[in-house]
Amino acid sequence: MIRPLEEKDFDTVCGIVNENWKNVYSGYVNPMLLNPDGCAERTQRLKTDFATHRLSEYVWEEENRVSAMLCFVETADGEMAGGFEIWRI
Protein backbone atom coordinates (compact mmCIF):
# COMPACT_ATOMS: atom_id res chain seq x y z
CA MET A 1 0.00 0.00 0.00
CA ILE A 2 1.19 3.50 -0.80
CA ARG A 3 0.45 6.04 1.91
CA PRO A 4 1.72 9.43 3.08
CA LEU A 5 4.92 9.50 5.13
CA GLU A 6 4.24 9.77 8.86
CA GLU A 7 6.57 10.79 11.68
CA LYS A 8 6.70 7.17 12.87
CA ASP A 9 8.37 6.32 9.51
CA PHE A 10 11.22 8.84 9.75
CA ASP A 11 13.87 6.48 11.18
CA THR A 12 13.02 3.66 8.76
CA VAL A 13 13.03 5.94 5.73
CA CYS A 14 16.31 7.58 6.78
CA GLY A 15 17.83 4.12 7.02
CA ILE A 16 16.60 3.31 3.51
CA VAL A 17 18.02 6.56 2.10
CA ASN A 18 21.39 6.09 3.81
CA GLU A 19 21.67 2.47 2.68
CA ASN A 20 20.87 3.52 -0.90
CA TRP A 21 23.52 6.24 -0.73
CA LYS A 22 26.09 3.63 0.29
CA ASN A 23 25.07 1.25 -2.50
CA VAL A 24 24.76 3.82 -5.28
CA TYR A 25 27.42 6.42 -4.52
CA SER A 26 30.28 4.31 -3.13
CA GLY A 27 33.33 5.12 -5.25
CA TYR A 28 31.71 8.28 -6.65
CA VAL A 29 31.46 10.63 -3.68
CA ASN A 30 33.69 11.56 -0.78
CA PRO A 31 33.70 8.48 1.49
CA MET A 32 33.03 10.79 4.46
CA LEU A 33 29.48 11.20 3.13
CA LEU A 34 28.92 7.46 3.53
CA ASN A 35 30.52 6.88 6.93
CA PRO A 36 28.48 6.91 10.18
CA ASP A 37 28.97 10.66 10.71
CA GLY A 38 27.94 11.45 7.13
CA CYS A 39 24.86 9.24 7.47
CA ALA A 40 23.97 10.89 10.80
CA GLU A 41 24.16 14.34 9.20
CA ARG A 42 22.00 13.17 6.28
CA THR A 43 19.50 11.66 8.72
CA GLN A 44 19.19 14.97 10.58
CA ARG A 45 18.71 16.92 7.34
CA LEU A 46 16.10 14.43 6.13
CA LYS A 47 14.14 14.55 9.38
CA THR A 48 14.14 18.35 9.28
CA ASP A 49 12.98 18.25 5.67
CA PHE A 50 10.24 15.71 6.47
CA ALA A 51 8.98 17.80 9.40
CA THR A 52 8.53 20.87 7.18
CA HIS A 53 6.42 18.99 4.60
CA ARG A 54 8.32 20.78 1.86
CA LEU A 55 7.78 17.79 -0.42
CA SER A 56 4.85 15.46 -0.94
CA GLU A 57 6.26 12.27 0.58
CA TYR A 58 4.90 8.74 0.37
CA VAL A 59 6.00 5.32 1.53
CA TRP A 60 5.36 1.79 0.33
CA GLU A 61 4.16 -0.35 3.23
CA GLU A 62 3.51 -4.06 3.03
CA GLU A 63 2.66 -6.29 6.00
CA ASN A 64 3.25 -3.34 8.37
CA ARG A 65 6.78 -2.82 7.02
CA VAL A 66 7.93 0.31 5.16
CA SER A 67 10.35 -0.65 2.40
CA ALA A 68 10.44 2.33 0.02
CA MET A 69 9.68 6.01 -0.32
CA LEU A 70 8.88 8.46 -3.08
CA CYS A 71 8.74 12.26 -2.98
CA PHE A 72 7.25 14.82 -5.33
CA VAL A 73 7.94 18.53 -5.48
CA GLU A 74 6.74 21.30 -7.76
CA THR A 75 9.46 22.02 -10.28
CA ALA A 76 11.58 25.13 -9.92
CA ASP A 77 11.74 25.37 -13.73
CA GLY A 78 9.75 28.50 -14.58
CA GLU A 79 9.11 27.20 -18.10
CA MET A 80 7.29 24.12 -16.79
CA ALA A 81 4.27 25.65 -15.06
CA GLY A 82 2.39 22.95 -13.18
CA GLY A 83 5.29 20.50 -13.59
CA PHE A 84 6.77 18.42 -10.82
CA GLU A 85 9.94 16.49 -10.03
CA ILE A 86 10.27 13.05 -8.46
CA TRP A 87 12.84 12.79 -5.67
CA ARG A 88 14.16 10.09 -3.35
CA ILE A 89 12.93 7.10 -5.27
PDB file of N, CA and C in Angstrom:
ATOM      1  N   MET A   1       0.839  -1.175   0.000  1.00  0.00           N
ATOM      2  CA  MET A   1       0.000   0.000   0.000  1.00  0.00           C
ATOM      3  C   MET A   1       0.887   1.243   0.000  1.00  0.00           C
ATOM      4  N   ILE A   2       0.524   2.202  -0.804  1.00  0.00           N
ATOM      5  CA  ILE A   2       1.194   3.499  -0.800  1.00  0.00           C
ATOM      6  C   ILE A   2       0.400   4.422   0.112  1.00  0.00           C
ATOM      7  N   ARG A   3       1.118   5.109   0.995  1.00  0.00           N
ATOM      8  CA  ARG A   3       0.452   6.044   1.911  1.00  0.00           C
ATOM      9  C   ARG A   3       1.400   7.195   2.203  1.00  0.00           C
ATOM     10  N   PRO A   4       0.856   8.296   2.727  1.00  0.00           N
ATOM     11  CA  PRO A   4       1.723   9.432   3.080  1.00  0.00           C
ATOM     12  C   PRO A   4       2.723   9.053   4.174  1.00  0.00           C
ATOM     13  N   LEU A   5       3.893   9.658   4.103  1.00  0.00           N
ATOM     14  CA  LEU A   5       4.923   9.503   5.130  1.00  0.00           C
ATOM     15  C   LEU A   5       4.392  10.061   6.447  1.00  0.00           C
ATOM     16  N   GLU A   6       4.621   9.322   7.525  1.00  0.00           N
ATOM     17  CA  GLU A   6       4.238   9.769   8.862  1.00  0.00           C
ATOM     18  C   GLU A   6       5.494   9.862   9.728  1.00  0.00           C
ATOM     19  N   GLU A   7       5.404  10.610  10.805  1.00  0.00           N
ATOM     20  CA  GLU A   7       6.567  10.791  11.680  1.00  0.00           C
ATOM     21  C   GLU A   7       7.119   9.455  12.173  1.00  0.00           C
ATOM     22  N   LYS A   8       6.254   8.488  12.401  1.00  0.00           N
ATOM     23  CA  LYS A   8       6.701   7.174  12.874  1.00  0.00           C
ATOM     24  C   LYS A   8       7.597   6.472  11.852  1.00  0.00           C
ATOM     25  N   ASP A   9       7.581   6.916  10.590  1.00  0.00           N
ATOM     26  CA  ASP A   9       8.374   6.317   9.509  1.00  0.00           C
ATOM     27  C   ASP A   9       9.759   6.942   9.356  1.00  0.00           C
ATOM     28  N   PHE A  10      10.009   8.071  10.004  1.00  0.00           N
ATOM     29  CA  PHE A  10      11.221   8.836   9.747  1.00  0.00           C
ATOM     30  C   PHE A  10      12.497   7.994   9.884  1.00  0.00           C
ATOM     31  N   ASP A  11      12.644   7.257  10.984  1.00  0.00           N
ATOM     32  CA  ASP A  11      13.871   6.480  11.184  1.00  0.00           C
ATOM     33  C   ASP A  11      14.040   5.410  10.107  1.00  0.00           C
ATOM     34  N   THR A  12      12.963   4.711   9.780  1.00  0.00           N
ATOM     35  CA  THR A  12      13.021   3.662   8.762  1.00  0.00           C
ATOM     36  C   THR A  12      13.407   4.238   7.412  1.00  0.00           C
ATOM     37  N   VAL A  13      12.773   5.335   7.039  1.00  0.00           N
ATOM     38  CA  VAL A  13      13.033   5.942   5.733  1.00  0.00           C
ATOM     39  C   VAL A  13      14.453   6.505   5.676  1.00  0.00           C
ATOM     40  N   CYS A  14      14.924   7.096   6.750  1.00  0.00           N
ATOM     41  CA  CYS A  14      16.311   7.585   6.776  1.00  0.00           C
ATOM     42  C   CYS A  14      17.281   6.430   6.599  1.00  0.00           C
ATOM     43  N   GLY A  15      16.994   5.308   7.201  1.00  0.00           N
ATOM     44  CA  GLY A  15      17.829   4.124   7.020  1.00  0.00           C
ATOM     45  C   GLY A  15      17.847   3.659   5.571  1.00  0.00           C
ATOM     46  N   ILE A  16      16.695   3.690   4.919  1.00  0.00           N
ATOM     47  CA  ILE A  16      16.604   3.313   3.508  1.00  0.00           C
ATOM     48  C   ILE A  16      17.432   4.271   2.654  1.00  0.00           C
ATOM     49  N   VAL A  17      17.280   5.560   2.887  1.00  0.00           N
ATOM     50  CA  VAL A  17      18.022   6.557   2.104  1.00  0.00           C
ATOM     51  C   VAL A  17      19.525   6.378   2.304  1.00  0.00           C
ATOM     52  N   ASN A  18      19.958   6.238   3.542  1.00  0.00           N
ATOM     53  CA  ASN A  18      21.394   6.090   3.805  1.00  0.00           C
ATOM     54  C   ASN A  18      21.946   4.806   3.191  1.00  0.00           C
ATOM     55  N   GLU A  19      21.206   3.722   3.271  1.00  0.00           N
ATOM     56  CA  GLU A  19      21.667   2.467   2.675  1.00  0.00           C
ATOM     57  C   GLU A  19      21.768   2.598   1.154  1.00  0.00           C
ATOM     58  N   ASN A  20      20.805   3.295   0.548  1.00  0.00           N
ATOM     59  CA  ASN A  20      20.865   3.518  -0.899  1.00  0.00           C
ATOM     60  C   ASN A  20      22.059   4.389  -1.276  1.00  0.00           C
ATOM     61  N   TRP A  21      22.337   5.409  -0.477  1.00  0.00           N
ATOM     62  CA  TRP A  21      23.521   6.244  -0.732  1.00  0.00           C
ATOM     63  C   TRP A  21      24.777   5.381  -0.755  1.00  0.00           C
ATOM     64  N   LYS A  22      24.907   4.493   0.223  1.00  0.00           N
ATOM     65  CA  LYS A  22      26.091   3.635   0.293  1.00  0.00           C
ATOM     66  C   LYS A  22      26.194   2.735  -0.942  1.00  0.00           C
ATOM     67  N   ASN A  23      25.070   2.167  -1.359  1.00  0.00           N
ATOM     68  CA  ASN A  23      25.068   1.252  -2.500  1.00  0.00           C
ATOM     69  C   ASN A  23      25.284   1.953  -3.829  1.00  0.00           C
ATOM     70  N   VAL A  24      24.719   3.125  -3.993  1.00  0.00           N
ATOM     71  CA  VAL A  24      24.762   3.821  -5.284  1.00  0.00           C
ATOM     72  C   VAL A  24      26.004   4.691  -5.436  1.00  0.00           C
ATOM     73  N   TYR A  25      26.392   5.409  -4.392  1.00  0.00           N
ATOM     74  CA  TYR A  25      27.424   6.423  -4.519  1.00  0.00           C
ATOM     75  C   TYR A  25      28.819   5.989  -4.078  1.00  0.00           C
ATOM     76  N   SER A  26      28.961   4.781  -3.546  1.00  0.00           N
ATOM     77  CA  SER A  26      30.278   4.306  -3.135  1.00  0.00           C
ATOM     78  C   SER A  26      31.221   4.322  -4.336  1.00  0.00           C
ATOM     79  N   GLY A  27      32.357   4.980  -4.161  1.00  0.00           N
ATOM     80  CA  GLY A  27      33.326   5.115  -5.246  1.00  0.00           C
ATOM     81  C   GLY A  27      33.116   6.355  -6.095  1.00  0.00           C
ATOM     82  N   TYR A  28      32.017   7.082  -5.865  1.00  0.00           N
ATOM     83  CA  TYR A  28      31.712   8.277  -6.652  1.00  0.00           C
ATOM     84  C   TYR A  28      31.743   9.561  -5.829  1.00  0.00           C
ATOM     85  N   VAL A  29      31.486   9.442  -4.534  1.00  0.00           N
ATOM     86  CA  VAL A  29      31.458  10.630  -3.676  1.00  0.00           C
ATOM     87  C   VAL A  29      32.515  10.489  -2.592  1.00  0.00           C
ATOM     88  N   ASN A  30      32.764  11.572  -1.908  1.00  0.00           N
ATOM     89  CA  ASN A  30      33.686  11.558  -0.784  1.00  0.00           C
ATOM     90  C   ASN A  30      33.219  10.483   0.212  1.00  0.00           C
ATOM     91  N   PRO A  31      34.078   9.544   0.564  1.00  0.00           N
ATOM     92  CA  PRO A  31      33.698   8.476   1.494  1.00  0.00           C
ATOM     93  C   PRO A  31      33.160   8.997   2.832  1.00  0.00           C
ATOM     94  N   MET A  32      33.538  10.214   3.212  1.00  0.00           N
ATOM     95  CA  MET A  32      33.033  10.793   4.461  1.00  0.00           C
ATOM     96  C   MET A  32      31.511  10.942   4.432  1.00  0.00           C
ATOM     97  N   LEU A  33      30.939  11.084   3.242  1.00  0.00           N
ATOM     98  CA  LEU A  33      29.483  11.205   3.126  1.00  0.00           C
ATOM     99  C   LEU A  33      28.773   9.890   3.412  1.00  0.00           C
ATOM    100  N   LEU A  34      29.511   8.784   3.365  1.00  0.00           N
ATOM    101  CA  LEU A  34      28.922   7.460   3.527  1.00  0.00           C
ATOM    102  C   LEU A  34      29.260   6.809   4.859  1.00  0.00           C
ATOM    103  N   ASN A  35      30.148   7.458   5.643  1.00  0.00           N
ATOM    104  CA  ASN A  35      30.524   6.879   6.935  1.00  0.00           C
ATOM    105  C   ASN A  35      29.431   7.204   7.966  1.00  0.00           C
ATOM    106  N   PRO A  36      29.529   6.676   9.178  1.00  0.00           N
ATOM    107  CA  PRO A  36      28.476   6.914  10.179  1.00  0.00           C
ATOM    108  C   PRO A  36      28.180   8.394  10.443  1.00  0.00           C
ATOM    109  N   ASP A  37      29.218   9.231  10.475  1.00  0.00           N
ATOM    110  CA  ASP A  37      28.974  10.663  10.706  1.00  0.00           C
ATOM    111  C   ASP A  37      28.222  11.287   9.534  1.00  0.00           C
ATOM    112  N   GLY A  38      28.620  10.928   8.316  1.00  0.00           N
ATOM    113  CA  GLY A  38      27.936  11.446   7.127  1.00  0.00           C
ATOM    114  C   GLY A  38      26.480  11.004   7.091  1.00  0.00           C
ATOM    115  N   CYS A  39      26.238   9.751   7.449  1.00  0.00           N
ATOM    116  CA  CYS A  39      24.863   9.242   7.475  1.00  0.00           C
ATOM    117  C   CYS A  39      24.042   9.924   8.573  1.00  0.00           C
ATOM    118  N   ALA A  40      24.672  10.193   9.716  1.00  0.00           N
ATOM    119  CA  ALA A  40      23.970  10.886  10.805  1.00  0.00           C
ATOM    120  C   ALA A  40      23.585  12.302  10.390  1.00  0.00           C
ATOM    121  N   GLU A  41      24.490  12.992   9.698  1.00  0.00           N
ATOM    122  CA  GLU A  41      24.163  14.339   9.197  1.00  0.00           C
ATOM    123  C   GLU A  41      23.019  14.284   8.198  1.00  0.00           C
ATOM    124  N   ARG A  42      23.057  13.313   7.275  1.00  0.00           N
ATOM    125  CA  ARG A  42      21.999  13.172   6.277  1.00  0.00           C
ATOM    126  C   ARG A  42      20.664  12.870   6.967  1.00  0.00           C
ATOM    127  N   THR A  43      20.715  12.004   7.971  1.00  0.00           N
ATOM    128  CA  THR A  43      19.499  11.661   8.718  1.00  0.00           C
ATOM    129  C   THR A  43      18.889  12.910   9.337  1.00  0.00           C
ATOM    130  N   GLN A  44      19.703  13.745   9.951  1.00  0.00           N
ATOM    131  CA  GLN A  44      19.189  14.967  10.578  1.00  0.00           C
ATOM    132  C   GLN A  44      18.578  15.907   9.541  1.00  0.00           C
ATOM    133  N   ARG A  45      19.253  16.061   8.404  1.00  0.00           N
ATOM    134  CA  ARG A  45      18.713  16.923   7.336  1.00  0.00           C
ATOM    135  C   ARG A  45      17.392  16.373   6.800  1.00  0.00           C
ATOM    136  N   LEU A  46      17.335  15.045   6.622  1.00  0.00           N
ATOM    137  CA  LEU A  46      16.104  14.433   6.130  1.00  0.00           C
ATOM    138  C   LEU A  46      14.960  14.643   7.105  1.00  0.00           C
ATOM    139  N   LYS A  47      15.198  14.395   8.377  1.00  0.00           N
ATOM    140  CA  LYS A  47      14.139  14.551   9.377  1.00  0.00           C
ATOM    141  C   LYS A  47      13.640  15.992   9.434  1.00  0.00           C
ATOM    142  N   THR A  48      14.547  16.939   9.316  1.00  0.00           N
ATOM    143  CA  THR A  48      14.142  18.350   9.282  1.00  0.00           C
ATOM    144  C   THR A  48      13.295  18.620   8.050  1.00  0.00           C
ATOM    145  N   ASP A  49      13.729  18.087   6.914  1.00  0.00           N
ATOM    146  CA  ASP A  49      12.983  18.254   5.669  1.00  0.00           C
ATOM    147  C   ASP A  49      11.601  17.608   5.780  1.00  0.00           C
ATOM    148  N   PHE A  50      11.528  16.393   6.312  1.00  0.00           N
ATOM    149  CA  PHE A  50      10.241  15.713   6.465  1.00  0.00           C
ATOM    150  C   PHE A  50       9.296  16.521   7.354  1.00  0.00           C
ATOM    151  N   ALA A  51       9.814  17.065   8.438  1.00  0.00           N
ATOM    152  CA  ALA A  51       8.982  17.798   9.399  1.00  0.00           C
ATOM    153  C   ALA A  51       8.383  19.066   8.798  1.00  0.00           C
ATOM    154  N   THR A  52       9.047  19.648   7.794  1.00  0.00           N
ATOM    155  CA  THR A  52       8.527  20.875   7.183  1.00  0.00           C
ATOM    156  C   THR A  52       7.483  20.609   6.112  1.00  0.00           C
ATOM    157  N   HIS A  53       7.374  19.353   5.675  1.00  0.00           N
ATOM    158  CA  HIS A  53       6.423  18.985   4.604  1.00  0.00           C
ATOM    159  C   HIS A  53       6.670  19.777   3.327  1.00  0.00           C
ATOM    160  N   ARG A  54       7.946  20.052   3.070  1.00  0.00           N
ATOM    161  CA  ARG A  54       8.323  20.784   1.857  1.00  0.00           C
ATOM    162  C   ARG A  54       7.984  19.994   0.604  1.00  0.00           C
ATOM    163  N   LEU A  55       8.086  18.680   0.699  1.00  0.00           N
ATOM    164  CA  LEU A  55       7.783  17.791  -0.422  1.00  0.00           C
ATOM    165  C   LEU A  55       6.511  16.999  -0.112  1.00  0.00           C
ATOM    166  N   SER A  56       5.921  16.433  -1.137  1.00  0.00           N
ATOM    167  CA  SER A  56       4.845  15.460  -0.943  1.00  0.00           C
ATOM    168  C   SER A  56       5.530  14.104  -0.852  1.00  0.00           C
ATOM    169  N   GLU A  57       5.480  13.472   0.315  1.00  0.00           N
ATOM    170  CA  GLU A  57       6.256  12.268   0.581  1.00  0.00           C
ATOM    171  C   GLU A  57       5.344  11.076   0.863  1.00  0.00           C
ATOM    172  N   TYR A  58       5.692   9.960   0.242  1.00  0.00           N
ATOM    173  CA  TYR A  58       4.904   8.744   0.371  1.00  0.00           C
ATOM    174  C   TYR A  58       5.820   7.565   0.646  1.00  0.00           C
ATOM    175  N   VAL A  59       5.259   6.537   1.282  1.00  0.00           N
ATOM    176  CA  VAL A  59       6.003   5.316   1.526  1.00  0.00           C
ATOM    177  C   VAL A  59       5.224   4.137   0.967  1.00  0.00           C
ATOM    178  N   TRP A  60       5.958   3.062   0.683  1.00  0.00           N
ATOM    179  CA  TRP A  60       5.357   1.790   0.333  1.00  0.00           C
ATOM    180  C   TRP A  60       5.414   0.927   1.583  1.00  0.00           C
ATOM    181  N   GLU A  61       4.246   0.480   2.033  1.00  0.00           N
ATOM    182  CA  GLU A  61       4.161  -0.352   3.231  1.00  0.00           C
ATOM    183  C   GLU A  61       3.474  -1.665   2.861  1.00  0.00           C
ATOM    184  N   GLU A  62       4.090  -2.744   3.268  1.00  0.00           N
ATOM    185  CA  GLU A  62       3.513  -4.061   3.032  1.00  0.00           C
ATOM    186  C   GLU A  62       3.706  -4.892   4.292  1.00  0.00           C
ATOM    187  N   GLU A  63       2.626  -5.501   4.773  1.00  0.00           N
ATOM    188  CA  GLU A  63       2.656  -6.292   6.004  1.00  0.00           C
ATOM    189  C   GLU A  63       3.256  -5.499   7.160  1.00  0.00           C
ATOM    190  N   ASN A  64       2.817  -4.246   7.293  1.00  0.00           N
ATOM    191  CA  ASN A  64       3.247  -3.341   8.366  1.00  0.00           C
ATOM    192  C   ASN A  64       4.742  -3.027   8.333  1.00  0.00           C
ATOM    193  N   ARG A  65       5.357  -3.118   7.166  1.00  0.00           N
ATOM    194  CA  ARG A  65       6.783  -2.818   7.016  1.00  0.00           C
ATOM    195  C   ARG A  65       6.983  -1.834   5.876  1.00  0.00           C
ATOM    196  N   VAL A  66       7.603  -0.691   6.181  1.00  0.00           N
ATOM    197  CA  VAL A  66       7.930   0.305   5.155  1.00  0.00           C
ATOM    198  C   VAL A  66       9.207  -0.138   4.471  1.00  0.00           C
ATOM    199  N   SER A  67       9.167  -0.200   3.122  1.00  0.00           N
ATOM    200  CA  SER A  67      10.348  -0.652   2.398  1.00  0.00           C
ATOM    201  C   SER A  67      10.783   0.289   1.282  1.00  0.00           C
ATOM    202  N   ALA A  68      10.048   1.382   1.078  1.00  0.00           N
ATOM    203  CA  ALA A  68      10.438   2.325   0.023  1.00  0.00           C
ATOM    204  C   ALA A  68       9.759   3.666   0.273  1.00  0.00           C
ATOM    205  N   MET A  69      10.303   4.698  -0.387  1.00  0.00           N
ATOM    206  CA  MET A  69       9.680   6.012  -0.319  1.00  0.00           C
ATOM    207  C   MET A  69       9.764   6.696  -1.665  1.00  0.00           C
ATOM    208  N   LEU A  70       8.924   7.686  -1.849  1.00  0.00           N
ATOM    209  CA  LEU A  70       8.880   8.462  -3.081  1.00  0.00           C
ATOM    210  C   LEU A  70       8.421   9.863  -2.721  1.00  0.00           C
ATOM    211  N   CYS A  71       9.092  10.871  -3.272  1.00  0.00           N
ATOM    212  CA  CYS A  71       8.744  12.262  -2.981  1.00  0.00           C
ATOM    213  C   CYS A  71       8.495  13.016  -4.280  1.00  0.00           C
ATOM    214  N   PHE A  72       7.554  13.937  -4.221  1.00  0.00           N
ATOM    215  CA  PHE A  72       7.250  14.819  -5.333  1.00  0.00           C
ATOM    216  C   PHE A  72       7.408  16.251  -4.871  1.00  0.00           C
ATOM    217  N   VAL A  73       7.844  17.115  -5.783  1.00  0.00           N
ATOM    218  CA  VAL A  73       7.943  18.531  -5.480  1.00  0.00           C
ATOM    219  C   VAL A  73       7.632  19.309  -6.758  1.00  0.00           C
ATOM    220  N   GLU A  74       6.993  20.447  -6.608  1.00  0.00           N
ATOM    221  CA  GLU A  74       6.738  21.303  -7.764  1.00  0.00           C
ATOM    222  C   GLU A  74       8.076  21.732  -8.342  1.00  0.00           C
ATOM    223  N   THR A  75       8.201  21.694  -9.645  1.00  0.00           N
ATOM    224  CA  THR A  75       9.463  22.022 -10.282  1.00  0.00           C
ATOM    225  C   THR A  75       9.807  23.498 -10.104  1.00  0.00           C
ATOM    226  N   ALA A  76      11.099  23.757 -10.015  1.00  0.00           N
ATOM    227  CA  ALA A  76      11.577  25.134  -9.919  1.00  0.00           C
ATOM    228  C   ALA A  76      11.771  25.733 -11.307  1.00  0.00           C
ATOM    229  N   ASP A  77      11.582  24.931 -12.342  1.00  0.00           N
ATOM    230  CA  ASP A  77      11.739  25.374 -13.730  1.00  0.00           C
ATOM    231  C   ASP A  77      10.559  26.259 -14.107  1.00  0.00           C
ATOM    232  N   GLY A  78      10.800  27.534 -14.259  1.00  0.00           N
ATOM    233  CA  GLY A  78       9.750  28.497 -14.580  1.00  0.00           C
ATOM    234  C   GLY A  78       9.059  28.243 -15.905  1.00  0.00           C
ATOM    235  N   GLU A  79       9.701  27.500 -16.792  1.00  0.00           N
ATOM    236  CA  GLU A  79       9.109  27.199 -18.096  1.00  0.00           C
ATOM    237  C   GLU A  79       8.192  25.983 -18.057  1.00  0.00           C
ATOM    238  N   MET A  80       8.099  25.337 -16.919  1.00  0.00           N
ATOM    239  CA  MET A  80       7.289  24.121 -16.785  1.00  0.00           C
ATOM    240  C   MET A  80       6.165  24.336 -15.775  1.00  0.00           C
ATOM    241  N   ALA A  81       5.356  25.338 -15.987  1.00  0.00           N
ATOM    242  CA  ALA A  81       4.266  25.650 -15.058  1.00  0.00           C
ATOM    243  C   ALA A  81       3.415  24.405 -14.820  1.00  0.00           C
ATOM    244  N   GLY A  82       3.187  24.104 -13.555  1.00  0.00           N
ATOM    245  CA  GLY A  82       2.385  22.946 -13.184  1.00  0.00           C
ATOM    246  C   GLY A  82       3.173  21.644 -13.185  1.00  0.00           C
ATOM    247  N   GLY A  83       4.456  21.700 -13.556  1.00  0.00           N
ATOM    248  CA  GLY A  83       5.287  20.504 -13.592  1.00  0.00           C
ATOM    249  C   GLY A  83       5.777  20.113 -12.207  1.00  0.00           C
ATOM    250  N   PHE A  84       6.249  18.890 -12.100  1.00  0.00           N
ATOM    251  CA  PHE A  84       6.772  18.418 -10.822  1.00  0.00           C
ATOM    252  C   PHE A  84       8.011  17.560 -11.069  1.00  0.00           C
ATOM    253  N   GLU A  85       8.750  17.334  -9.999  1.00  0.00           N
ATOM    254  CA  GLU A  85       9.935  16.489 -10.030  1.00  0.00           C
ATOM    255  C   GLU A  85       9.727  15.340  -9.035  1.00  0.00           C
ATOM    256  N   ILE A  86      10.310  14.202  -9.354  1.00  0.00           N
ATOM    257  CA  ILE A  86      10.270  13.047  -8.461  1.00  0.00           C
ATOM    258  C   ILE A  86      11.628  12.962  -7.779  1.00  0.00           C
ATOM    259  N   TRP A  87      11.614  12.856  -6.462  1.00  0.00           N
ATOM    260  CA  TRP A  87      12.837  12.794  -5.666  1.00  0.00           C
ATOM    261  C   TRP A  87      12.819  11.540  -4.802  1.00  0.00           C
ATOM    262  N   ARG A  88      13.978  11.155  -4.356  1.00  0.00           N
ATOM    263  CA  ARG A  88      14.156  10.089  -3.354  1.00  0.00           C
ATOM    264  C   ARG A  88      13.380   8.817  -3.692  1.00  0.00           C
ATOM    265  N   ILE A  89      13.601   8.348  -4.874  1.00  0.00           N
ATOM    266  CA  ILE A  89      12.930   7.099  -5.275  1.00  0.00           C
ATOM    267  C   ILE A  89      13.594   5.947  -4.544  1.00  0.00           C
TER     268      ILE A  89
END
